[in-house]
C-alpha atoms as a PDB file:
ATOM      1  CA  MET A   1      18.912   5.718   6.665  1.00  0.00           C
ATOM      2  CA  GLU A   2      17.160   8.594   8.417  1.00  0.00           C
ATOM      3  CA  LEU A   3      13.528   7.966   9.343  1.00  0.00           C
ATOM      4  CA  CYS A   4      10.926  10.169   7.692  1.00  0.00           C
ATOM      5  CA  ASN A   5       8.657  12.064  10.032  1.00  0.00           C
ATOM      6  CA  LEU A   6       5.133  13.194   9.152  1.00  0.00           C
ATOM      7  CA  GLU A   7       6.210  16.751   8.314  1.00  0.00           C
ATOM      8  CA  ALA A   8       8.890  15.533   5.900  1.00  0.00           C
ATOM      9  CA  LEU A   9       6.424  13.167   4.233  1.00  0.00           C
ATOM     10  CA  LYS A  10       3.851  15.948   3.810  1.00  0.00           C
ATOM     11  CA  SER A  11       6.374  18.305   2.255  1.00  0.00           C
ATOM     12  CA  ASN A  12       7.893  15.613   0.015  1.00  0.00           C
ATOM     13  CA  THR A  13      11.349  16.362   1.431  1.00  0.00           C
ATOM     14  CA  CYS A  14      11.904  12.822   2.586  1.00  0.00           C
ATOM     15  CA  SER A  15      12.896   9.813   0.529  1.00  0.00           C
ATOM     16  CA  LEU A  16      11.729   6.323   1.415  1.00  0.00           C
ATOM     17  CA  GLU A  17      14.214   4.887  -1.024  1.00  0.00           C
ATOM     18  CA  ASP A  18      17.369   3.519   0.540  1.00  0.00           C
ATOM     19  CA  GLU A  19      20.237   2.756  -1.813  1.00  0.00           C
ATOM     20  CA  SER A  20      21.118  -0.364   0.177  1.00  0.00           C
ATOM     21  CA  THR A  21      17.642  -1.877  -0.329  1.00  0.00           C
ATOM     22  CA  GLN A  22      16.866  -0.814  -3.890  1.00  0.00           C
ATOM     23  CA  GLY A  23      16.127  -3.839  -6.009  1.00  0.00           C
ATOM     24  CA  SER A  24      15.134  -5.904  -2.981  1.00  0.00           C
ATOM     25  CA  GLU A  25      11.864  -5.772  -1.101  1.00  0.00           C
ATOM     26  CA  SER A  26      11.855  -4.356   2.410  1.00  0.00           C
ATOM     27  CA  ILE A  27       8.884  -5.201   4.592  1.00  0.00           C
ATOM     28  CA  VAL A  28       7.818  -3.451   7.780  1.00  0.00           C
ATOM     29  CA  SER A  29       5.067  -4.855   9.964  1.00  0.00           C
ATOM     30  CA  PHE A  30       2.647  -2.693  11.908  1.00  0.00           C
ATOM     31  CA  HIS A  31      -0.448  -3.156  14.030  1.00  0.00           C
ATOM     32  CA  ALA A  32      -3.439  -0.884  13.570  1.00  0.00           C
ATOM     33  CA  LYS A  33      -6.925  -0.674  14.989  1.00  0.00           C
ATOM     34  CA  VAL A  34      -9.648  -0.146  12.378  1.00  0.00           C
ATOM     35  CA  PRO A  35     -13.377   0.446  12.752  1.00  0.00           C
ATOM     36  CA  VAL A  36     -15.501  -2.691  12.538  1.00  0.00           C
ATOM     37  CA  GLN A  37     -17.192  -1.371   9.382  1.00  0.00           C
ATOM     38  CA  LEU A  38     -13.851  -1.219   7.555  1.00  0.00           C
ATOM     39  CA  GLN A  39     -12.896  -4.700   8.723  1.00  0.00           C
ATOM     40  CA  LEU A  40     -16.236  -6.133   7.562  1.00  0.00           C
ATOM     41  CA  ALA A  41     -15.932  -4.385   4.192  1.00  0.00           C
ATOM     42  CA  MET A  42     -12.374  -5.691   3.815  1.00  0.00           C
ATOM     43  CA  ASN A  43     -13.492  -9.248   4.601  1.00  0.00           C
ATOM     44  CA  SER A  44     -16.359  -8.983   2.119  1.00  0.00           C
ATOM     45  CA  PHE A  45     -14.021  -7.698  -0.598  1.00  0.00           C
ATOM     46  CA  ILE A  46     -11.480 -10.477   0.030  1.00  0.00           C
ATOM     47  CA  GLU A  47     -14.212 -13.129  -0.094  1.00  0.00           C
ATOM     48  CA  ARG A  48     -15.375 -11.778  -3.441  1.00  0.00           C
ATOM     49  CA  TYR A  49     -11.850 -11.418  -4.868  1.00  0.00           C
ATOM     50  CA  PRO A  50      -9.792 -14.296  -3.456  1.00  0.00           C
ATOM     51  CA  ASN A  51      -6.568 -13.240  -5.204  1.00  0.00           C
ATOM     52  CA  TRP A  52      -6.506 -10.288  -2.775  1.00  0.00           C
ATOM     53  CA  ASP A  53      -5.588 -10.661   0.876  1.00  0.00           C
ATOM     54  CA  GLN A  54      -5.559  -8.235   3.793  1.00  0.00           C
ATOM     55  CA  TYR A  55      -1.909  -7.354   3.209  1.00  0.00           C
ATOM     56  CA  ARG A  56      -2.346  -6.541  -0.474  1.00  0.00           C
ATOM     57  CA  LEU A  57      -5.510  -4.530   0.235  1.00  0.00           C
ATOM     58  CA  ILE A  58      -3.884  -2.414   2.971  1.00  0.00           C
ATOM     59  CA  GLN A  59      -0.742  -1.949   0.870  1.00  0.00           C
ATOM     60  CA  ALA A  60      -2.793  -0.813  -2.149  1.00  0.00           C
ATOM     61  CA  ALA A  61      -4.914   1.521  -0.013  1.00  0.00           C
ATOM     62  CA  LEU A  62      -1.920   3.127   1.686  1.00  0.00           C
ATOM     63  CA  ALA A  63       0.073   3.482  -1.537  1.00  0.00           C
ATOM     64  CA  GLY A  64      -3.003   4.861  -3.313  1.00  0.00           C
ATOM     65  CA  PHE A  65      -3.589   7.421  -0.583  1.00  0.00           C
ATOM     66  CA  LEU A  66       0.025   8.609  -0.721  1.00  0.00           C
ATOM     67  CA  VAL A  67       0.002   8.839  -4.534  1.00  0.00           C
ATOM     68  CA  GLN A  68      -3.287  10.764  -4.503  1.00  0.00           C
ATOM     69  CA  GLN A  69      -1.877  13.181  -1.906  1.00  0.00           C
ATOM     70  CA  GLY A  70       1.040  13.977  -4.202  1.00  0.00           C
ATOM     71  CA  PHE A  71       3.779  11.989  -2.478  1.00  0.00           C
ATOM     72  CA  GLN A  72       6.415  11.396  -5.127  1.00  0.00           C
ATOM     73  CA  SER A  73       8.270   8.122  -4.883  1.00  0.00           C
ATOM     74  CA  ARG A  74       8.854   5.647  -7.683  1.00  0.00           C
ATOM     75  CA  SER A  75       8.686   2.713  -5.304  1.00  0.00           C
ATOM     76  CA  VAL A  76       5.336   3.825  -3.810  1.00  0.00           C
ATOM     77  CA  THR A  77       3.888   4.515  -7.259  1.00  0.00           C
ATOM     78  CA  ARG A  78       5.155   1.119  -8.442  1.00  0.00           C
ATOM     79  CA  LEU A  79       3.417  -0.594  -5.494  1.00  0.00           C
ATOM     80  CA  TYR A  80       0.189   1.269  -6.190  1.00  0.00           C
ATOM     81  CA  VAL A  81       0.126   0.494  -9.904  1.00  0.00           C
ATOM     82  CA  GLY A  82       1.270  -3.084  -9.362  1.00  0.00           C
ATOM     83  CA  ASN A  83      -1.487  -3.791  -6.851  1.00  0.00           C
ATOM     84  CA  MET A  84      -4.252  -2.024  -8.750  1.00  0.00           C
ATOM     85  CA  PHE A  85      -3.548  -3.324 -12.224  1.00  0.00           C
ATOM     86  CA  SER A  86      -2.178  -6.811 -11.759  1.00  0.00           C
ATOM     87  CA  LEU A  87      -3.630  -9.589 -13.887  1.00  0.00           C
ATOM     88  CA  ASN A  88      -6.973 -11.003 -12.671  1.00  0.00           C
ATOM     89  CA  THR A  89      -7.272  -8.303 -10.016  1.00  0.00           C
ATOM     90  CA  PHE A  90     -11.054  -7.952 -10.047  1.00  0.00           C
ATOM     91  CA  ARG A  91     -12.294 -11.266 -11.341  1.00  0.00           C
ATOM     92  CA  SER A  92     -14.791 -12.670  -8.921  1.00  0.00           C
ATOM     93  CA  ASN A  93     -14.897 -16.323  -7.980  1.00  0.00           C
ATOM     94  CA  GLY A  94     -18.431 -16.864  -9.138  1.00  0.00           C
END
């Protein structure tokens, strides 16, 4: 599978869907530095909504950003909708 560069992603000429991995979940790990304010807000959110974790929050944020920017991919849209509208998503613990 050819890697998608930033230009291809912006122009929607790149597909993130690989026929060999459709139907199974592919996971890629990455390391990113974030401002302290974002990290504190993320921790506060996760404490309030314990069914969320840092991975789900980052995944939802990234998928949401791509969907809002017009990136068209069923798998990305599925991740976004699945994370945002799963059962008990925003029920607080108290």
